[in-house]
Protein backbone atom coordinates (compact mmCIF):
# COMPACT_ATOMS: atom_id res chain seq x y z
CA UNK A 1 -27.28 -1.13 -3.02
CA UNK A 2 -30.55 -2.15 -4.60
CA UNK A 3 -33.49 -0.84 -2.57
CA UNK A 4 -35.29 -4.19 -2.70
CA UNK A 5 -32.42 -5.95 -0.94
CA UNK A 6 -31.62 -3.03 1.37
CA UNK A 7 -35.16 -3.13 2.76
CA UNK A 8 -34.94 -6.89 3.40
CA UNK A 9 -31.60 -7.15 5.24
CA UNK A 10 -31.16 -6.83 8.99
CA UNK A 11 -30.04 -3.60 10.67
CA UNK A 12 -26.68 -5.19 11.54
CA UNK A 13 -26.08 -6.06 7.89
CA UNK A 14 -27.00 -2.50 6.87
CA UNK A 15 -24.51 -1.07 9.36
CA UNK A 16 -21.70 -3.32 8.10
CA UNK A 17 -22.55 -2.57 4.49
CA UNK A 18 -22.63 1.17 5.17
CA UNK A 19 -19.08 0.95 6.57
CA UNK A 20 -17.89 -0.78 3.42
CA UNK A 21 -19.72 1.80 1.32
CA UNK A 22 -17.72 4.56 3.01
CA UNK A 23 -14.48 2.77 2.14
CA UNK A 24 -15.71 2.41 -1.43
CA UNK A 25 -16.54 6.13 -1.60
CA UNK A 26 -12.99 7.00 -0.53
CA UNK A 27 -11.54 4.72 -3.21
CA UNK A 28 -13.75 6.25 -5.91
CA UNK A 29 -13.00 9.83 -4.82
CA UNK A 30 -9.26 9.19 -4.78
CA UNK A 31 -9.52 7.61 -8.24
CA UNK A 32 -11.38 10.67 -9.50
CA UNK A 33 -8.68 13.02 -8.17
CA UNK A 34 -5.99 10.85 -9.73
CA UNK A 35 -7.72 10.92 -13.14
CA UNK A 36 -7.89 14.72 -13.01
CA UNK A 37 -4.17 14.89 -12.14
CA UNK A 38 -3.27 12.52 -15.01
CA UNK A 39 -5.31 14.64 -17.42
CA UNK A 40 -3.45 17.77 -16.28
CA UNK A 41 -0.09 16.02 -16.67
CA UNK A 42 -1.05 14.87 -20.17
CA UNK A 43 -2.09 18.40 -21.08
CA UNK A 44 1.19 19.84 -19.77
CA UNK A 45 3.15 17.24 -21.72
CA UNK A 46 1.30 18.02 -24.94
CA UNK A 47 1.76 21.78 -24.54
CA UNK A 48 5.46 21.57 -23.65
CA UNK A 49 7.34 19.19 -25.88
CA UNK A 50 10.51 19.49 -23.81
CA UNK A 51 8.82 17.95 -20.72
CA UNK A 52 8.67 14.13 -20.60
CA UNK A 53 5.98 12.94 -18.21
CA UNK A 54 5.18 9.60 -19.83
CA UNK A 55 6.59 7.46 -17.02
CA UNK A 56 4.75 9.49 -14.37
CA UNK A 57 1.49 9.16 -16.30
CA UNK A 58 2.06 5.39 -16.66
CA UNK A 59 2.66 5.07 -12.92
CA UNK A 60 -0.50 7.05 -12.19
CA UNK A 61 -2.45 4.78 -14.52
CA UNK A 62 -1.08 1.76 -12.63
CA UNK A 63 -2.27 3.29 -9.36
CA UNK A 64 -5.66 3.94 -10.94
CA UNK A 65 -5.89 0.27 -12.00
CA UNK A 66 -5.08 -0.81 -8.43
CA UNK A 67 -7.76 1.49 -7.06
CA UNK A 68 -10.25 -0.03 -9.49
CA UNK A 69 -9.28 -3.50 -8.33
CA UNK A 70 -9.66 -2.46 -4.68
CA UNK A 71 -13.11 -1.08 -5.46
CA UNK A 72 -14.12 -4.37 -7.07
CA UNK A 73 -12.83 -6.31 -4.05
CA UNK A 74 -14.86 -4.12 -1.69
CA UNK A 75 -17.99 -4.79 -3.77
CA UNK A 76 -17.36 -8.54 -3.73
CA UNK A 77 -16.80 -8.42 0.03
CA UNK A 78 -20.09 -6.58 0.46
CA UNK A 79 -21.83 -9.38 -1.46
CA UNK A 80 -20.09 -12.02 0.67
CA UNK A 81 -21.24 -10.32 3.89
CA UNK A 82 -24.82 -10.13 2.62
CA UNK A 83 -24.96 -13.79 1.52
CA UNK A 84 -25.94 -15.17 4.99
CA UNK A 85 -28.83 -12.70 5.08
CA UNK A 86 -30.39 -14.15 1.94
CA UNK A 87 -32.51 -17.19 1.43
CA UNK A 88 -30.51 -20.11 0.04
CA UNK A 89 -32.42 -19.89 -3.22
CA UNK A 90 -31.14 -16.35 -3.89
CA UNK A 91 -27.52 -16.62 -2.76
CA UNK A 92 -26.45 -16.89 -6.40
CA UNK A 93 -27.12 -13.14 -6.58
CA UNK A 94 -23.96 -12.82 -4.47
CA UNK A 95 -21.84 -14.74 -6.96
CA UNK A 96 -18.58 -13.10 -8.00
CA UNK A 97 -19.42 -13.74 -11.63
CA UNK A 98 -22.60 -11.64 -11.52
CA UNK A 99 -21.84 -8.13 -12.73
CA UNK A 100 -22.60 -5.06 -10.69
CA UNK A 101 -23.45 -1.74 -12.24
CA UNK A 102 -24.51 1.40 -10.43
CA UNK A 103 -26.18 -1.05 -8.04
CA UNK A 104 -24.41 -3.84 -6.20
CA UNK A 105 -26.69 -6.58 -7.54
CA UNK A 106 -27.17 -5.18 -11.05
CA UNK A 107 -29.77 -2.84 -12.49
CA UNK A 108 -32.81 -5.09 -12.23
CA UNK A 109 -32.54 -7.33 -9.16
CA UNK A 110 -36.20 -8.41 -9.35
CA UNK A 111 -35.63 -9.74 -12.89
CA UNK A 112 -32.50 -11.58 -11.70
CA UNK A 113 -34.41 -13.07 -8.77
CA UNK A 114 -37.19 -14.22 -11.10
CA UNK A 115 -34.61 -15.87 -13.37
CA UNK A 116 -33.12 -17.67 -10.36
CA UNK A 117 -36.57 -18.91 -9.32
CA UNK A 118 -37.21 -20.22 -12.83
CA UNK A 119 -33.81 -21.96 -12.95
CA UNK A 120 -34.46 -23.52 -9.55
CA UNK A 121 -37.83 -24.87 -10.71
CA UNK A 122 -36.29 -26.35 -13.85
CA UNK A 123 -33.43 -27.86 -11.87
CA UNK A 124 -35.83 -29.46 -9.39
CA UNK A 125 -37.81 -30.99 -12.23
CA UNK A 126 -34.72 -32.31 -13.99
CA UNK A 127 -33.14 -33.92 -10.94
CA UNK A 128 -35.06 -35.97 -8.42
CA UNK A 129 -33.83 -34.69 -5.07
CA UNK A 130 -35.90 -36.99 -2.87
CA UNK A 131 -33.83 -38.90 -0.32
CA UNK A 132 -33.32 -42.62 -0.98
CA UNK A 133 -35.58 -44.74 1.18
CA UNK A 134 -34.21 -47.91 2.62
CA UNK A 135 -30.59 -47.12 3.48
CA UNK A 136 -27.48 -48.50 1.84
CA UNK A 137 -27.65 -51.83 3.70
CA UNK A 138 -30.99 -52.72 2.11
CA UNK A 139 -29.65 -51.74 -1.32
CA UNK A 140 -26.61 -53.98 -0.92
CA UNK A 141 -28.67 -56.87 0.40
CA UNK A 142 -30.97 -56.66 -2.60
CA UNK A 143 -27.91 -57.16 -4.80
CA UNK A 144 -26.93 -60.36 -3.00
CA UNK A 145 -24.42 -58.86 -0.56
CA UNK A 146 -24.54 -60.31 2.92
CA UNK A 147 -23.19 -58.28 5.82
CA UNK A 148 -21.18 -60.51 8.12
CA UNK A 149 -20.23 -57.92 10.72
CA UNK A 150 -16.80 -57.32 12.19
CA UNK A 151 -14.10 -55.08 10.88
CA UNK A 152 -13.28 -54.74 7.21
CA UNK A 153 -9.79 -55.15 5.81
CA UNK A 154 -7.44 -52.64 7.36
CA UNK A 155 -9.98 -51.52 9.92
CA UNK A 156 -8.63 -53.01 13.14
CA UNK A 157 -9.21 -51.45 16.55
CA UNK A 158 -6.39 -49.28 17.83
CA UNK A 159 -4.96 -49.25 21.31
CA UNK A 160 -2.16 -50.61 23.45
CA UNK A 161 -3.69 -53.88 24.53
CA UNK A 162 -5.65 -56.59 22.84
CA UNK A 163 -9.27 -57.16 23.67
CA UNK A 164 -10.01 -60.65 24.89
CA UNK A 165 -13.68 -61.52 24.38
CA UNK A 166 -13.51 -63.80 27.46
CA UNK A 167 -12.62 -60.95 29.82
CA UNK A 168 -14.13 -57.55 30.38
CA UNK A 169 -10.86 -55.67 30.77
CA UNK A 170 -8.26 -54.45 28.35
CA UNK A 171 -4.76 -55.73 29.11
């Protein structure tokens, strides 16, 4: 993980991430062993023309692809677990579309964070995010709408009895 983020997250998040890192290490090590075995099988097949190992090599390549997918899923899960630790402004760093390299959040996380800050500033300037003052009733009244109270169409009270305004009990 990037050192900048590692230093900022809580000890609980570090512990959880370390556990996922150990799973990831096992996936990568098993993939490495599988690649070495496939290379040896390919070498044997090329040296001995009477041996056909093509289907075995294809199956090993399929397993390798699945291990790669599992590794990617572990990395995405690590990002998902770290998202609550981050400020809302930087949660886009945890997006599944952001590539990871040797580091979980890319090679230059400070540059990515700066880009996110700049985008946030531009977005805030483009869109006025101030809350509307004077609720929806005032808006409707300014347009000539008069609220008459009561229930709207289809919005009748539910229950077994009918409410009689002259009494205080429900029959």
